[in-house]
Structure formats: C-alpha cells, structure tokens
Amino acid sequence: MLKLSRKTLFAIEAVLDIAYHAGAEPVQSREITRRQGIPRRYLEQALQNLVRSGVLVGVRGPRGGYRLARERRRITVGEIIRVVRNSDNEDDPLQEEMGSPLGRKVVRPLWMELQGELLSRLDEVTMDDLCNRADSAGIVSEGRDRLYFSI
C-alpha cells in the first residue's frame, strides 16, 4: 500500500481533473484522457468504481460525463485510495497467514501501522486542497472558460 500503484494514481488524477476542470457541463472521459494521458481502459474502470462508491456521479447522454458527487472539499485522497484498494483483486500479502514469526508478528504489524498513519494523513487532503495546488502551479482550468452566470 505504501507503493503508489498506477490504478491509484489514475483514480486520483481523474477525480482531480473532474474537480479542477468542471464547468457547467459534466467532464467527459475523453477530455480526461486528453489532458491526463490516462489510457481509456483504466480510466473507465476507475470512473465506474468511483461512481459506485459515491465519489462521482455519472451523467448519461450526448453531453454526459462525470461530476463530483459532493463538494470537492468533502472528497479526500484517502477515500479515493480506499475505493481503488477495495476494488483491486490482488492478494494482500499483509493478510496472508503464512510467513515467519518475525514477519507475522513484527514486520506486518509495523507495515499496517504505517499504512494507517499514511491513510489518516491522506484523509486530511481534499480535492479542494489539490485544486488550490494546481492553481498555484499555474495550471489553467479549462472549465472556468465554460462557466457562465446569469441573474
């Protein structure tokens, strides 16, 4: 878990892209692929898992796409990581019963403790925080150009 998997990275980037580039219309997956370079096969799977978990909302139709299910300040990086981890079918070596006594009783508990601390810290980092970092880094939001207000 302390290793950032490609699936996890793609999921975080996809949600951040939606949060940062959202305008009046939903963000389409092809736009995320264009901006982030995420292969469509990984992206669609990640987006569907995020919809099922309540992080995103899928909008159907010709102008369909994806929106955040909640305000971006209420979606954390830790939550996204858990969605990917729960949808991943790989065996977790930390849960195996086999291994040496030192591995089972010392190393694995330490690793699980560190993972818990890391996830706790990532639960404090919101999509809003990452959007602010993107703005500070000078990344232009394509969604701001498409926002319009009328009274």
Protein backbone atom coordinates (compact mmCIF):
# COMPACT_ATOMS: atom_id res chain seq x y z
CA MET A 1 0.00 0.00 0.00
CA LEU A 2 2.88 2.40 0.54
CA LYS A 3 3.71 1.93 -3.13
CA LEU A 4 1.56 4.15 -5.34
CA SER A 5 0.02 1.87 -7.93
CA ARG A 6 -0.78 3.00 -11.45
CA LYS A 7 -4.52 2.41 -10.79
CA THR A 8 -4.41 4.57 -7.67
CA LEU A 9 -2.54 7.35 -9.42
CA PHE A 10 -5.01 7.30 -12.35
CA ALA A 11 -8.00 7.42 -9.99
CA ILE A 12 -6.63 10.39 -8.03
CA GLU A 13 -5.73 12.23 -11.26
CA ALA A 14 -9.17 11.54 -12.75
CA VAL A 15 -11.06 12.89 -9.73
CA LEU A 16 -8.75 15.89 -9.54
CA ASP A 17 -9.24 16.53 -13.24
CA ILE A 18 -13.02 16.49 -12.78
CA ALA A 19 -12.79 18.75 -9.73
CA TYR A 20 -10.40 21.21 -11.39
CA HIS A 21 -11.79 21.35 -14.91
CA ALA A 22 -15.50 21.11 -14.08
CA GLY A 23 -17.66 23.73 -15.71
CA ALA A 24 -21.35 23.96 -16.38
CA GLU A 25 -21.26 20.62 -18.25
CA PRO A 26 -20.09 17.26 -16.91
CA VAL A 27 -16.48 16.31 -17.67
CA GLN A 28 -16.26 13.69 -20.40
CA SER A 29 -13.84 10.78 -20.09
CA ARG A 30 -12.24 11.57 -23.44
CA GLU A 31 -11.32 15.02 -22.08
CA ILE A 32 -9.69 13.44 -19.03
CA THR A 33 -7.78 11.07 -21.33
CA ARG A 34 -6.64 14.00 -23.48
CA ARG A 35 -5.48 16.10 -20.53
CA GLN A 36 -4.03 13.38 -18.30
CA GLY A 37 -2.91 10.76 -20.79
CA ILE A 38 -4.70 8.03 -18.85
CA PRO A 39 -5.50 5.02 -21.07
CA ARG A 40 -9.28 4.73 -21.60
CA ARG A 41 -9.43 1.11 -20.41
CA TYR A 42 -8.01 2.08 -17.00
CA LEU A 43 -9.95 5.31 -16.84
CA GLU A 44 -13.41 3.86 -17.49
CA GLN A 45 -12.91 1.14 -14.90
CA ALA A 46 -11.70 3.66 -12.31
CA LEU A 47 -14.55 6.07 -13.04
CA GLN A 48 -17.18 3.35 -12.70
CA ASN A 49 -15.73 2.24 -9.34
CA LEU A 50 -15.76 5.87 -8.17
CA VAL A 51 -19.41 6.24 -9.26
CA ARG A 52 -20.39 3.04 -7.41
CA SER A 53 -18.64 4.26 -4.28
CA GLY A 54 -20.36 7.65 -4.32
CA VAL A 55 -17.34 9.82 -5.14
CA LEU A 56 -18.58 10.67 -8.65
CA VAL A 57 -21.93 10.86 -10.42
CA GLY A 58 -22.24 9.63 -13.98
CA VAL A 59 -24.39 11.74 -16.31
CA ARG A 60 -25.81 9.95 -19.36
CA GLY A 61 -26.49 11.35 -22.79
CA PRO A 62 -24.62 13.07 -25.61
CA ARG A 63 -23.37 15.79 -23.28
CA GLY A 64 -22.87 13.33 -20.45
CA GLY A 65 -19.79 12.70 -18.41
CA TYR A 66 -18.86 12.83 -14.76
CA ARG A 67 -19.36 15.24 -11.88
CA LEU A 68 -18.26 15.13 -8.28
CA ALA A 69 -20.93 13.58 -6.07
CA ARG A 70 -20.11 16.06 -3.29
CA GLU A 71 -18.30 19.36 -2.90
CA ARG A 72 -14.62 19.00 -3.65
CA ARG A 73 -13.75 19.96 -0.08
CA ARG A 74 -15.60 16.84 1.09
CA ILE A 75 -13.71 14.31 -1.07
CA THR A 76 -10.33 13.18 0.24
CA VAL A 77 -7.37 11.46 -1.33
CA GLY A 78 -7.66 8.77 1.36
CA GLU A 79 -11.22 7.99 0.26
CA ILE A 80 -10.12 7.56 -3.36
CA ILE A 81 -7.27 5.26 -2.34
CA ARG A 82 -9.69 3.09 -0.35
CA VAL A 83 -12.03 2.82 -3.36
CA VAL A 84 -9.17 1.60 -5.56
CA ARG A 85 -7.84 -0.75 -2.89
CA ASN A 86 -11.29 -2.26 -2.27
CA SER A 87 -11.88 -2.80 -6.00
CA ASP A 88 -8.45 -4.31 -6.56
CA ASN A 89 -8.49 -8.10 -6.70
CA GLU A 90 -4.81 -8.56 -5.90
CA ASP A 91 -3.91 -10.61 -2.85
CA ASP A 92 -2.71 -8.52 0.07
CA PRO A 93 0.50 -10.08 1.43
CA LEU A 94 -0.17 -8.43 4.78
CA GLN A 95 -3.26 -10.60 5.23
CA GLU A 96 -1.56 -13.93 4.47
CA GLU A 97 -1.28 -16.36 7.35
CA MET A 98 1.93 -17.91 6.06
CA GLY A 99 5.35 -16.50 6.83
CA SER A 100 7.91 -16.38 9.57
CA PRO A 101 7.02 -15.39 13.15
CA LEU A 102 9.08 -12.20 12.74
CA GLY A 103 7.20 -11.32 9.57
CA ARG A 104 3.75 -12.06 11.01
CA LYS A 105 4.27 -10.57 14.46
CA VAL A 106 6.69 -7.69 13.85
CA VAL A 107 7.09 -6.58 10.24
CA ARG A 108 3.46 -6.88 9.06
CA PRO A 109 2.00 -5.09 12.11
CA LEU A 110 4.54 -2.29 11.62
CA TRP A 111 3.63 -2.01 7.94
CA MET A 112 -0.10 -1.94 8.74
CA GLU A 113 0.50 0.74 11.37
CA LEU A 114 2.40 2.88 8.85
CA GLN A 115 -0.35 2.41 6.27
CA GLY A 116 -2.94 3.53 8.81
CA GLU A 117 -0.93 6.65 9.59
CA LEU A 118 -0.48 7.44 5.91
CA LEU A 119 -4.19 6.98 5.16
CA SER A 120 -5.08 9.18 8.14
CA ARG A 121 -2.87 11.91 6.72
CA LEU A 122 -4.36 11.45 3.23
CA ASP A 123 -7.85 11.74 4.75
CA GLU A 124 -6.89 15.33 5.56
CA VAL A 125 -6.01 16.17 1.94
CA THR A 126 -9.10 17.15 -0.05
CA MET A 127 -9.69 17.65 -3.75
CA ASP A 128 -10.07 21.34 -2.90
CA ASP A 129 -6.52 21.34 -1.49
CA LEU A 130 -5.20 19.72 -4.67
CA CYS A 131 -7.17 22.14 -6.87
CA ASN A 132 -5.58 25.03 -4.97
CA ARG A 133 -2.15 23.47 -5.56
CA ALA A 134 -2.92 23.14 -9.29
CA ASP A 135 -3.99 26.79 -9.40
CA SER A 136 -0.82 27.86 -7.56
CA ALA A 137 1.24 25.82 -10.03
CA GLY A 138 -0.26 27.87 -12.86
CA ILE A 139 -2.29 25.07 -14.43
CA VAL A 140 -5.15 26.59 -16.39
CA SER A 141 -8.60 25.21 -15.67
CA GLU A 142 -10.47 24.55 -18.91
CA GLY A 143 -13.78 24.55 -17.02
CA ARG A 144 -13.51 28.16 -15.92
CA ASP A 145 -13.75 29.25 -19.55
CA ARG A 146 -17.11 27.48 -19.87
CA LEU A 147 -18.70 28.80 -16.69
CA TYR A 148 -21.44 31.31 -17.08
CA PHE A 149 -23.63 33.07 -14.59
CA SER A 150 -26.95 34.75 -15.14
CA ILE A 151 -29.18 36.57 -12.75
